[in-house]
Protein backbone atom coordinates (compact mmCIF):
# COMPACT_ATOMS: atom_id res chain seq x y z
CA MET A 1 -26.74 -11.13 13.73
CA ALA A 2 -28.65 -11.06 10.37
CA ASP A 3 -30.55 -7.95 11.83
CA THR A 4 -27.26 -6.43 12.94
CA LEU A 5 -25.81 -6.77 9.42
CA ALA A 6 -29.04 -5.66 7.53
CA ALA A 7 -29.32 -2.40 9.43
CA PRO A 8 -26.11 -1.01 8.00
CA ARG A 9 -26.77 -2.30 4.56
CA GLY A 10 -30.26 -0.69 4.58
CA ALA A 11 -28.69 2.65 5.81
CA LEU A 12 -26.15 2.33 2.94
CA ARG A 13 -28.91 1.84 0.32
CA GLU A 14 -30.85 4.83 1.57
CA ARG A 15 -27.65 6.93 1.45
CA ALA A 16 -26.88 6.01 -2.01
CA THR A 17 -30.27 6.86 -3.32
CA ALA A 18 -30.43 10.11 -1.39
CA PRO A 19 -29.86 13.27 -3.54
CA ARG A 20 -26.52 14.94 -3.17
CA ARG A 21 -26.51 18.21 -1.47
CA PRO A 22 -25.04 21.35 -3.00
CA GLY A 23 -21.15 21.57 -2.81
CA ALA A 24 -20.75 17.81 -2.12
CA ARG A 25 -18.77 17.19 -5.31
CA ARG A 26 -16.38 20.11 -4.52
CA GLU A 27 -15.92 18.81 -0.99
CA ALA A 28 -15.13 15.40 -2.40
CA LEU A 29 -12.78 16.80 -4.94
CA ALA A 30 -11.07 18.78 -2.10
CA ALA A 31 -10.66 15.50 0.07
CA TYR A 32 -9.11 13.68 -2.72
CA GLY A 33 -6.78 16.66 -3.37
CA PHE A 34 -5.45 16.30 0.31
CA ILE A 35 -4.86 12.63 0.20
CA ALA A 36 -3.37 12.44 -3.24
CA PRO A 37 -0.04 13.39 -2.21
CA ASN A 38 -0.06 10.42 0.26
CA TYR A 39 -1.01 8.11 -2.52
CA LEU A 40 1.47 9.47 -4.53
CA LEU A 41 4.21 8.77 -2.21
CA LEU A 42 2.85 5.28 -1.72
CA LEU A 43 3.12 4.67 -5.35
CA VAL A 44 6.35 6.05 -5.77
CA PHE A 45 8.08 4.67 -2.81
CA VAL A 46 6.34 1.49 -2.02
CA LEU A 47 4.39 0.06 -5.10
CA VAL A 48 6.97 0.74 -7.66
CA PRO A 49 9.84 -0.67 -5.76
CA LEU A 50 7.70 -3.67 -4.77
CA VAL A 51 6.75 -4.37 -8.45
CA GLY A 52 10.68 -3.96 -9.25
CA ALA A 53 11.66 -6.31 -6.43
CA PHE A 54 9.32 -8.88 -7.71
CA ALA A 55 10.59 -8.51 -11.40
CA VAL A 56 14.29 -8.97 -9.97
CA SER A 57 13.17 -12.19 -8.02
CA LEU A 58 12.50 -13.73 -11.18
CA GLN A 59 15.98 -13.29 -12.48
CA ARG A 60 19.57 -14.33 -12.00
CA THR A 61 21.53 -10.98 -11.42
CA ASP A 62 24.07 -9.47 -9.27
CA GLY A 63 22.73 -6.01 -9.86
CA PHE A 64 25.10 -4.93 -12.61
CA GLY A 65 23.92 -5.04 -16.04
CA ASP A 66 21.02 -7.04 -17.44
CA GLY A 67 19.95 -10.23 -15.57
CA THR A 68 18.75 -13.61 -17.03
CA PHE A 69 15.14 -14.71 -16.67
CA ALA A 70 14.93 -17.48 -14.00
CA GLY A 71 11.22 -18.00 -13.55
CA LEU A 72 10.42 -19.20 -10.07
CA ASP A 73 13.96 -20.76 -9.61
CA ASN A 74 14.84 -18.47 -6.86
CA TYR A 75 11.77 -19.35 -4.78
CA ALA A 76 12.38 -23.02 -5.32
CA ARG A 77 15.92 -22.47 -3.82
CA LEU A 78 14.36 -21.16 -0.71
CA ALA A 79 12.79 -24.73 0.01
CA GLY A 80 16.30 -26.37 0.15
CA ASP A 81 18.22 -23.68 1.63
CA PRO A 82 19.11 -24.29 5.26
CA LEU A 83 20.47 -20.74 6.01
CA PHE A 84 17.05 -19.48 4.93
CA TRP A 85 15.10 -21.82 7.22
CA ARG A 86 17.75 -20.92 10.10
CA ALA A 87 16.97 -17.31 9.55
CA LEU A 88 13.17 -17.83 9.51
CA GLY A 89 13.54 -19.81 12.66
CA ASN A 90 15.44 -16.96 14.39
CA THR A 91 12.97 -14.57 13.14
CA VAL A 92 9.98 -16.25 14.44
CA LEU A 93 11.76 -16.95 17.75
CA PHE A 94 12.72 -13.24 17.96
CA THR A 95 9.08 -12.40 17.31
CA VAL A 96 7.61 -14.74 19.86
CA LEU A 97 10.05 -13.47 22.43
CA VAL A 98 9.80 -9.75 21.77
CA THR A 99 6.26 -9.29 21.00
CA PRO A 100 4.65 -10.56 24.24
CA LEU A 101 7.46 -9.22 26.50
CA SER A 102 7.28 -5.73 25.10
CA MET A 103 3.28 -5.72 25.23
CA LEU A 104 3.52 -6.93 28.81
CA LEU A 105 5.93 -4.42 29.90
CA GLY A 106 3.92 -1.72 28.06
CA LEU A 107 0.71 -2.69 29.50
CA VAL A 108 2.32 -2.71 33.22
CA ALA A 109 3.63 0.84 32.38
CA ALA A 110 0.49 2.13 31.11
CA THR A 111 -1.42 0.89 33.97
CA LEU A 112 0.92 2.42 36.43
CA LEU A 113 0.97 5.63 34.51
CA ASN A 114 -2.81 5.85 34.43
CA THR A 115 -2.88 6.18 38.27
CA ALA A 116 -1.69 8.95 40.53
CA LEU A 117 1.72 7.96 40.23
CA PRO A 118 4.51 10.28 41.74
CA ALA A 119 6.63 11.85 39.16
CA ARG A 120 4.44 10.49 36.47
CA PRO A 121 5.51 12.98 33.56
CA LEU A 122 9.22 11.85 34.44
CA TRP A 123 8.55 8.26 34.03
CA ARG A 124 6.51 8.62 31.00
CA SER A 125 9.35 10.62 29.40
CA LEU A 126 11.84 7.97 30.22
CA LEU A 127 9.80 5.35 28.74
CA ILE A 128 9.07 7.31 25.48
CA LEU A 129 12.74 8.40 25.25
CA PRO A 130 13.96 5.20 23.35
CA MET A 131 11.14 5.89 20.73
CA ALA A 132 12.94 9.35 20.09
CA VAL A 133 16.15 7.72 18.83
CA SER A 134 16.73 5.52 15.72
CA GLY A 135 17.22 1.75 15.90
CA VAL A 136 20.91 2.16 15.05
CA ALA A 137 21.43 4.49 18.14
CA THR A 138 19.46 2.00 20.32
CA ALA A 139 21.73 -0.69 19.06
CA LEU A 140 24.76 1.29 19.76
CA ILE A 141 23.59 1.92 23.45
CA GLY A 142 23.06 -1.95 23.58
CA VAL A 143 26.81 -2.38 22.52
CA LEU A 144 27.80 -0.13 25.25
CA VAL A 145 25.92 -2.31 27.72
CA PHE A 146 26.42 -5.75 26.33
CA ASP A 147 30.18 -5.51 24.81
CA GLN A 148 31.87 -8.65 26.14
CA ASN A 149 35.16 -6.74 26.60
CA SER A 150 34.39 -3.40 27.82
CA GLY A 151 30.60 -3.39 28.19
CA ILE A 152 28.93 -1.79 31.21
CA LEU A 153 27.22 -5.03 32.37
CA ASN A 154 30.32 -7.23 32.23
CA ARG A 155 32.08 -4.57 34.33
CA LEU A 156 29.54 -4.68 36.90
CA LEU A 157 29.74 -8.43 36.79
CA THR A 158 33.47 -8.44 37.26
CA ALA A 159 33.21 -5.80 39.97
CA VAL A 160 30.89 -8.17 42.26
CA GLY A 161 33.13 -11.14 41.67
CA LEU A 162 31.15 -12.87 38.99
CA SER A 163 32.42 -14.12 35.52
CA PRO A 164 31.82 -11.91 32.40
CA VAL A 165 29.34 -13.20 29.81
CA THR A 166 30.50 -13.84 26.33
CA TRP A 167 27.59 -11.83 24.81
CA GLN A 168 28.98 -11.96 21.15
CA SER A 169 30.68 -15.37 21.29
CA ASP A 170 27.95 -17.80 22.34
CA PRO A 171 24.64 -18.06 20.56
CA ALA A 172 22.13 -17.76 23.50
CA PRO A 173 23.59 -14.63 25.12
CA ALA A 174 24.07 -13.05 21.57
CA PHE A 175 20.36 -13.67 20.73
CA ALA A 176 19.35 -12.52 24.32
CA THR A 177 21.18 -9.02 23.58
CA ILE A 178 18.96 -8.38 20.46
CA VAL A 179 15.91 -9.44 22.34
CA LEU A 180 16.53 -7.22 25.45
CA ALA A 181 17.59 -4.14 23.34
CA THR A 182 14.49 -4.54 21.18
CA VAL A 183 12.13 -4.91 24.17
CA TRP A 184 13.70 -1.75 25.76
CA TRP A 185 13.28 -0.04 22.46
CA ARG A 186 9.56 -1.20 21.75
CA THR A 187 7.94 -0.94 25.29
CA GLY A 188 7.36 2.87 25.18
CA PHE A 189 5.43 2.75 21.96
CA ASN A 190 3.21 -0.07 23.40
CA MET A 191 2.90 1.77 26.59
CA LEU A 192 1.49 4.79 24.66
CA ILE A 193 -1.03 2.89 22.77
CA TYR A 194 -2.16 0.85 25.84
CA LEU A 195 -2.54 4.42 27.76
CA ALA A 196 -4.78 5.77 25.09
CA GLY A 197 -6.89 2.75 25.40
CA LEU A 198 -6.99 2.77 29.38
CA GLN A 199 -8.00 6.38 29.13
CA GLY A 200 -11.01 5.41 27.08
CA ILE A 201 -12.38 3.01 29.64
CA GLY A 202 -15.11 4.91 31.61
CA PRO A 203 -14.69 4.90 35.45
CA ASP A 204 -18.08 3.82 35.94
CA LEU A 205 -17.20 0.26 35.00
CA TYR A 206 -14.52 0.27 37.74
CA GLU A 207 -16.97 1.70 40.03
CA ALA A 208 -19.70 -0.94 39.20
CA ALA A 209 -17.05 -3.62 39.77
CA THR A 210 -15.92 -2.26 43.04
CA LEU A 211 -19.51 -2.26 44.26
CA ASP A 212 -19.69 -5.83 43.10
CA GLY A 213 -17.06 -6.61 45.65
CA ALA A 214 -14.20 -6.99 42.87
CA ASN A 215 -10.45 -6.25 44.21
CA ARG A 216 -8.05 -4.45 42.13
CA LEU A 217 -6.66 -7.67 40.44
CA GLN A 218 -10.16 -8.81 39.55
CA ARG A 219 -11.07 -5.31 38.19
CA PHE A 220 -7.93 -5.52 36.19
CA ARG A 221 -8.60 -9.25 34.91
CA ASN A 222 -12.18 -8.77 34.30
CA VAL A 223 -12.49 -5.15 33.19
CA THR A 224 -9.36 -3.79 31.78
CA VAL A 225 -7.98 -6.68 29.84
CA PRO A 226 -11.15 -7.63 28.01
CA LEU A 227 -11.84 -3.91 27.06
CA LEU A 228 -8.26 -3.53 25.85
CA GLY A 229 -8.78 -6.72 23.51
CA PRO A 230 -8.93 -4.50 20.30
CA THR A 231 -5.86 -2.57 21.55
CA SER A 232 -4.05 -5.70 22.03
CA PHE A 233 -4.84 -7.15 18.78
CA PHE A 234 -3.71 -4.15 16.99
CA LEU A 235 -0.40 -4.18 18.89
CA VAL A 236 0.14 -7.90 18.21
CA VAL A 237 -0.15 -7.06 14.39
CA LEU A 238 2.24 -4.08 14.56
CA ASN A 239 4.82 -5.95 16.77
CA VAL A 240 4.76 -9.08 14.55
CA ILE A 241 5.26 -7.06 11.38
CA PHE A 242 7.91 -4.96 13.01
CA SER A 243 9.81 -8.13 14.42
CA PHE A 244 9.73 -9.82 11.01
CA GLN A 245 11.42 -6.66 9.41
CA VAL A 246 14.09 -6.01 12.17
CA PHE A 247 17.46 -5.26 10.74
CA ASP A 248 19.27 -2.25 12.34
CA ILE A 249 19.53 -3.63 16.00
CA VAL A 250 20.64 -7.22 14.78
CA PHE A 251 23.06 -5.71 12.25
CA VAL A 252 24.73 -3.33 14.74
CA LEU A 253 24.63 -5.44 17.86
CA THR A 254 25.66 -8.96 16.26
CA GLY A 255 26.05 -8.82 12.53
CA GLY A 256 23.94 -11.83 12.51
CA GLY A 257 26.55 -13.92 14.40
CA PRO A 258 28.06 -15.83 15.86
CA GLY A 259 27.89 -18.48 13.11
CA GLY A 260 24.41 -17.13 12.00
CA ALA A 261 22.93 -17.85 15.41
CA THR A 262 21.20 -14.20 15.30
CA SER A 263 20.71 -14.00 11.61
CA VAL A 264 17.13 -13.03 10.78
CA LEU A 265 15.43 -12.65 7.39
CA VAL A 266 16.33 -9.22 6.64
CA THR A 267 19.95 -9.46 7.60
CA TYR A 268 20.06 -12.78 5.53
CA ALA A 269 18.55 -10.82 2.55
CA TYR A 270 20.93 -8.18 2.94
CA GLU A 271 24.18 -10.39 3.12
CA THR A 272 22.71 -12.35 0.06
CA GLY A 273 21.91 -9.30 -1.99
CA PHE A 274 24.85 -6.86 -1.12
CA VAL A 275 27.79 -9.19 0.07
CA THR A 276 27.39 -12.24 -2.36
CA ARG A 277 25.52 -10.03 -4.93
CA ASP A 278 22.94 -12.73 -5.47
CA GLN A 279 20.21 -9.98 -5.78
CA GLY A 280 17.58 -12.16 -7.58
CA TYR A 281 17.56 -14.59 -4.54
CA ALA A 282 17.70 -11.53 -2.01
CA SER A 283 14.61 -10.27 -3.70
CA ALA A 284 12.82 -13.61 -3.47
CA ILE A 285 13.51 -13.51 0.28
CA GLY A 286 12.28 -9.94 0.31
CA MET A 287 8.85 -10.97 -1.27
CA VAL A 288 8.62 -13.76 1.29
CA LEU A 289 8.89 -11.06 4.02
CA PHE A 290 6.41 -8.94 2.18
CA VAL A 291 3.82 -11.94 2.14
CA PHE A 292 4.21 -12.26 6.00
CA ALA A 293 3.56 -8.52 6.70
CA LEU A 294 0.85 -8.58 4.08
CA VAL A 295 -1.18 -11.50 5.98
CA PHE A 296 -0.95 -9.82 9.30
CA ALA A 297 -2.02 -6.46 7.96
CA ALA A 298 -4.84 -8.06 6.23
CA ALA A 299 -5.81 -9.84 9.50
CA GLN A 300 -5.78 -6.37 11.32
CA TYR A 301 -7.82 -4.87 8.60
CA ARG A 302 -10.43 -7.60 8.66
CA ALA A 303 -10.72 -7.38 12.37
CA SER A 304 -11.28 -3.67 12.19
CA ARG A 305 -13.78 -3.80 9.35
CA THR A 306 -15.71 -6.57 11.28
CA LYS A 307 -15.80 -4.26 14.39
CA ASP A 308 -16.98 -1.40 12.34
CA VAL A 309 -19.88 -3.59 10.87
CA VAL A 310 -21.04 -4.98 14.22
CA GLU A 311 -21.01 -1.29 15.89
C-alpha cells in the first residue's frame, strides 16, 4: 500500500520540478477563463445566499425590516421542537424507502436495456420521460392517479368491486403516494447511470465467468454487482441528497398532511419561513439541511479521491 501511494507522490514531485513548456501559461489562463463563469455563478447563486441564510439563522426576524440578533437560540430551539424531529424522521424514512427502491428498479431496467430487448429504444424513452418533466408536473400526474375522490386508481378499485383508498386522509397511504411518485420520477435517472456503468464492463469478463460454469444469476451477482460498486455509491450519495431536499412532490401531492404525517424538512422550513414568518428559525432548518448534504457530498468526494490515488 505504501508503494502504491509513493508512486503517485513521486510522479507529482517530478512534474513539479520539470520545466514548463512554452505556451503552458497561456493555456492555463484560457482554462481558467472557461471555468470562471461557472465559479461566478456558484458564488452569486450558492455561496452568497448560503452566507446570507446563515446570517439570518442567527436572528429573530419575519423578513420585514431589521431582525434582532439571537445567537444560537434558533439552533437550540431545534432540539426541543417535536415538529422538527417529526419532519426529520419523515425525511429519513422517505430517504430509506426511495433510495433503494429507485436504485433497484433502475438497475433492473438498465440490465434489461443492456441486452437485446425488443423495442429497446421505446422502453428507454418511456423510462427517461419522467426526467423530462419537472417535479411539479410529476406531482400533478400523481394527483390524477392518487386523488381519493376522482383519481384513476380509486376508480379502478371501485370498478372491480374494491373499496377506494383514502390516499390523502390517512397517514400511511399519503406517505405511500409521495414515495411511489418519487420512485417513478427517479428510476429513469438511476437507469441511465447504471446503463453507462454496465456498458463499461468488458464482455471478456462475462465470457470468462461463463467458461467457469457461472449461470446468468451468478454472473450478475459475482461480476456485474461488484464492478458497479463505484456507480452504486455515487447514486446512493446523489439520491440521499435529493431525498433530503425533496419539496415539490410533497408540497403538491399532500402539502405535508394529513396532520404533518408527510411533512419533510424542506416543507417544514417553507411553512416556518413563509407561513408563520419565522425566517430566522427557517434558516436554521435550512442550515441543518445544508450540513446533511455537505456530509454526503464530502463522502462521495473522499471516495472518488481515494479511487484516483489507488489507480
